[in-house]
Amino acid sequence: MMRMAFAGKDLKNVTFGKFLGTGTGTTFGPGDTDLTRWAAITVSDAPVSFPRWDAIADGNARIDLEPLVSRGEWSGRSPFRSTGRRTDGMVVALTRARLRPAKALRFWRAIPAVAREVADAPGLLARFGVGEAPIGWQGTVSVWRSTADLTAFAYRQPEHRAVIARTPADGWYAEELFARFAVRDLTGDRRVLGWIDEELTER
């Protein structure tokens, strides 16, 4: 926890960076928090390493990504420079939002049905929650076998479609961002990512 408080000093030579707590991604409330796992999202022109964190970690995983599509802002910035390209391989979806305090309870009530849908979605390889704080500054990271699998979940699953439709009217978010990335490399222990496909986890 103390490392997180002073984590900014580890973010060198990056154009954008965030250290984040994580959760299972099932409830998005304080009870979802996983105090054994931490995440870093960085944007840079060269590989970024975290030797101080590696020294105390029991396991780690790294995903190198190419931003394909990005909409919205994070801390008042648009951090990902979209290429607009397509990919036939694995993709990562990142959603991040800062909730309006008056809307948070209504948002949390809408999430469990969507979480149940995503858990059973074809093509889902891994998922977990991320956040700058346990309440109100939250997001999700999910890894999919293909763009087609991600699209099928996003627009064909009824509960998820219903939440998307409600978002403008309910005004849950003070700030939001959605980005989709192509996976260029994935190294380390995939179990750290909550990997679902056991066959691929062992490779």
Protein backbone atom coordinates (compact mmCIF):
# COMPACT_ATOMS: atom_id res chain seq x y z
CA MET A 1 0.00 0.00 0.00
CA MET A 2 2.87 2.37 0.77
CA ARG A 3 4.47 1.56 -2.59
CA MET A 4 1.23 2.55 -4.29
CA ALA A 5 1.23 5.89 -2.48
CA PHE A 6 4.62 6.76 -3.97
CA ALA A 7 4.39 4.76 -7.20
CA GLY A 8 4.77 7.80 -9.45
CA LYS A 9 8.56 7.65 -9.14
CA ASP A 10 8.48 4.28 -10.97
CA LEU A 11 6.79 5.82 -14.00
CA LYS A 12 9.78 7.09 -15.97
CA ASN A 13 10.02 7.69 -19.72
CA VAL A 14 6.29 7.26 -20.25
CA THR A 15 3.78 9.60 -21.88
CA PHE A 16 1.00 8.24 -19.69
CA GLY A 17 0.99 5.90 -16.73
CA LYS A 18 -1.23 4.65 -13.92
CA PHE A 19 -0.66 2.28 -11.02
CA LEU A 20 -3.91 0.54 -10.15
CA GLY A 21 -5.45 -1.77 -7.62
CA THR A 22 -7.34 -4.76 -8.97
CA GLY A 23 -10.43 -6.83 -8.27
CA THR A 24 -12.20 -9.85 -9.66
CA GLY A 25 -14.41 -7.69 -11.87
CA THR A 26 -17.63 -9.26 -10.59
CA THR A 27 -19.16 -6.59 -8.33
CA PHE A 28 -17.10 -3.37 -8.78
CA GLY A 29 -17.62 -2.49 -5.13
CA PRO A 30 -15.08 -2.33 -2.27
CA GLY A 31 -15.64 -6.03 -1.54
CA ASP A 32 -14.30 -6.91 -4.99
CA THR A 33 -10.80 -5.65 -4.15
CA ASP A 34 -7.84 -8.04 -4.49
CA LEU A 35 -5.03 -6.80 -2.24
CA THR A 36 -2.60 -9.42 -3.58
CA ARG A 37 -2.56 -8.14 -7.17
CA TRP A 38 -1.62 -4.74 -8.61
CA ALA A 39 -1.51 -3.42 -12.16
CA ALA A 40 0.33 -0.81 -14.17
CA ILE A 41 -0.85 0.70 -17.46
CA THR A 42 1.79 2.64 -19.36
CA VAL A 43 2.10 4.33 -22.74
CA SER A 44 5.64 4.68 -24.07
CA ASP A 45 7.87 4.34 -27.11
CA ALA A 46 10.13 1.82 -25.37
CA PRO A 47 9.59 -1.12 -22.99
CA VAL A 48 8.90 -0.15 -19.37
CA SER A 49 10.16 -2.24 -16.45
CA PHE A 50 9.41 -2.19 -12.73
CA PRO A 51 12.34 -3.88 -10.99
CA ARG A 52 11.31 -2.73 -7.49
CA TRP A 53 7.93 -4.39 -7.93
CA ASP A 54 9.38 -7.50 -9.57
CA ALA A 55 11.66 -7.98 -6.58
CA ILE A 56 8.73 -8.55 -4.22
CA ALA A 57 6.27 -10.22 -6.61
CA ASP A 58 5.33 -13.90 -6.38
CA GLY A 59 4.29 -13.77 -10.06
CA ASN A 60 3.79 -11.32 -12.87
CA ALA A 61 2.42 -11.03 -16.39
CA ARG A 62 2.94 -8.46 -19.11
CA ILE A 63 0.83 -7.67 -22.18
CA ASP A 64 2.28 -5.47 -24.92
CA LEU A 65 -0.54 -3.78 -26.80
CA GLU A 66 -1.29 -1.74 -29.90
CA PRO A 67 -4.26 0.63 -29.47
CA LEU A 68 -6.76 0.03 -32.26
CA VAL A 69 -9.69 2.15 -31.05
CA SER A 70 -9.96 4.58 -28.14
CA ARG A 71 -12.82 6.86 -27.14
CA GLY A 72 -13.08 9.17 -24.14
CA GLU A 73 -10.65 10.54 -21.58
CA TRP A 74 -8.71 9.43 -18.53
CA SER A 75 -7.75 12.16 -16.05
CA GLY A 76 -8.63 14.72 -18.69
CA ARG A 77 -6.39 13.15 -21.35
CA SER A 78 -6.79 10.89 -24.38
CA PRO A 79 -3.81 8.64 -23.64
CA PHE A 80 -4.00 6.06 -26.45
CA ARG A 81 -3.16 6.94 -30.05
CA SER A 82 -5.46 4.74 -32.12
CA THR A 83 -4.08 3.10 -35.25
CA GLY A 84 -7.48 2.09 -36.65
CA ARG A 85 -6.02 -1.20 -37.81
CA ARG A 86 -7.68 -4.59 -37.54
CA THR A 87 -6.30 -7.78 -36.09
CA ASP A 88 -7.08 -11.49 -36.42
CA GLY A 89 -5.53 -12.34 -33.06
CA MET A 90 -6.24 -11.74 -29.39
CA VAL A 91 -7.63 -8.38 -28.29
CA VAL A 92 -7.88 -6.56 -24.98
CA ALA A 93 -10.79 -4.33 -24.02
CA LEU A 94 -10.22 -1.63 -21.41
CA THR A 95 -13.07 0.33 -19.88
CA ARG A 96 -12.49 3.01 -17.30
CA ALA A 97 -14.91 5.41 -15.63
CA ARG A 98 -15.11 7.93 -12.82
CA LEU A 99 -18.55 7.54 -11.30
CA ARG A 100 -20.73 10.42 -10.19
CA PRO A 101 -21.18 9.86 -6.44
CA ALA A 102 -24.94 10.35 -6.62
CA LYS A 103 -25.19 7.70 -9.35
CA ALA A 104 -22.84 5.06 -7.95
CA LEU A 105 -25.43 2.94 -6.15
CA ARG A 106 -27.64 2.69 -9.24
CA PHE A 107 -24.60 1.73 -11.33
CA TRP A 108 -23.56 -1.04 -8.91
CA ARG A 109 -27.08 -2.46 -8.96
CA ALA A 110 -26.92 -2.76 -12.76
CA ILE A 111 -23.54 -4.51 -12.88
CA PRO A 112 -24.12 -8.05 -11.44
CA ALA A 113 -26.27 -9.17 -14.39
CA VAL A 114 -23.61 -7.99 -16.85
CA ALA A 115 -20.86 -9.69 -14.83
CA ARG A 116 -22.74 -12.99 -15.03
CA GLU A 117 -23.05 -12.60 -18.81
CA VAL A 118 -19.38 -11.88 -19.38
CA ALA A 119 -18.32 -14.85 -17.23
CA ASP A 120 -20.01 -17.19 -19.72
CA ALA A 121 -19.17 -15.28 -22.89
CA PRO A 122 -17.61 -17.36 -25.70
CA GLY A 123 -14.05 -16.33 -26.47
CA LEU A 124 -13.32 -14.70 -23.10
CA LEU A 125 -9.79 -15.61 -22.01
CA ALA A 126 -9.28 -13.43 -18.92
CA ARG A 127 -10.84 -10.55 -17.02
CA PHE A 128 -10.26 -8.48 -13.90
CA GLY A 129 -11.21 -5.13 -12.45
CA VAL A 130 -8.86 -2.15 -12.05
CA GLY A 131 -9.18 1.06 -10.10
CA GLU A 132 -7.40 4.15 -8.86
CA ALA A 133 -9.55 3.88 -5.73
CA PRO A 134 -11.83 1.15 -4.33
CA ILE A 135 -14.92 3.30 -4.89
CA GLY A 136 -15.85 5.44 -7.87
CA TRP A 137 -12.66 5.29 -9.99
CA GLN A 138 -13.00 1.95 -11.66
CA GLY A 139 -12.56 -0.05 -14.83
CA THR A 140 -12.27 -3.48 -16.37
CA VAL A 141 -9.66 -5.30 -18.40
CA SER A 142 -10.73 -8.29 -20.49
CA VAL A 143 -8.79 -10.46 -22.92
CA TRP A 144 -10.63 -12.03 -25.86
CA ARG A 145 -9.71 -14.65 -28.40
CA SER A 146 -10.76 -12.35 -31.27
CA THR A 147 -12.46 -9.08 -32.14
CA ALA A 148 -15.49 -11.07 -33.27
CA ASP A 149 -15.88 -12.60 -29.80
CA LEU A 150 -15.60 -9.20 -28.10
CA THR A 151 -18.10 -7.63 -30.50
CA ALA A 152 -20.55 -10.49 -30.05
CA PHE A 153 -20.54 -9.96 -26.29
CA ALA A 154 -20.69 -6.16 -26.42
CA TYR A 155 -23.65 -5.87 -28.77
CA ARG A 156 -25.55 -9.16 -28.63
CA GLN A 157 -25.78 -9.97 -24.94
CA PRO A 158 -29.06 -8.46 -23.65
CA GLU A 159 -27.92 -7.28 -20.20
CA HIS A 160 -24.81 -5.58 -21.56
CA ARG A 161 -26.79 -3.94 -24.34
CA ALA A 162 -29.31 -2.69 -21.79
CA VAL A 163 -26.58 -1.08 -19.68
CA ILE A 164 -25.08 0.60 -22.77
CA ALA A 165 -28.52 1.96 -23.67
CA ARG A 166 -29.08 3.30 -20.13
CA THR A 167 -25.72 5.04 -19.81
CA PRO A 168 -26.55 8.38 -21.51
CA ALA A 169 -29.90 8.77 -19.73
CA ASP A 170 -28.70 7.68 -16.28
CA GLY A 171 -25.53 9.78 -16.43
CA TRP A 172 -23.46 7.43 -14.29
CA TYR A 173 -20.06 8.73 -15.39
CA ALA A 174 -18.28 12.02 -14.81
CA GLU A 175 -15.55 10.72 -17.14
CA GLU A 176 -15.26 7.56 -19.20
CA LEU A 177 -12.96 5.80 -21.64
CA PHE A 178 -13.19 2.70 -23.80
CA ALA A 179 -10.24 1.29 -25.73
CA ARG A 180 -9.58 -1.87 -27.73
CA PHE A 181 -6.06 -3.16 -28.30
CA ALA A 182 -4.33 -5.82 -30.36
CA VAL A 183 -2.16 -8.13 -28.27
CA ARG A 184 1.38 -7.98 -29.64
CA ASP A 185 3.03 -10.05 -26.92
CA LEU A 186 2.00 -11.78 -23.71
CA THR A 187 4.61 -13.03 -21.27
CA GLY A 188 4.76 -14.27 -17.69
CA ASP A 189 2.27 -16.21 -15.59
CA ARG A 190 -1.16 -15.91 -17.21
CA ARG A 191 -2.84 -16.95 -13.97
CA VAL A 192 -2.00 -13.46 -12.69
CA LEU A 193 -4.46 -12.18 -15.29
CA GLY A 194 -7.18 -14.56 -14.13
CA TRP A 195 -6.73 -16.69 -17.23
CA ILE A 196 -9.75 -18.88 -17.95
CA ASP A 197 -8.44 -21.23 -20.65
CA GLU A 198 -6.44 -23.82 -18.68
CA GLU A 199 -4.83 -25.30 -21.80
CA LEU A 200 -3.38 -21.94 -22.79
CA THR A 201 -2.37 -21.14 -19.20
CA GLU A 202 0.03 -24.09 -19.18
CA ARG A 203 1.81 -23.04 -22.37
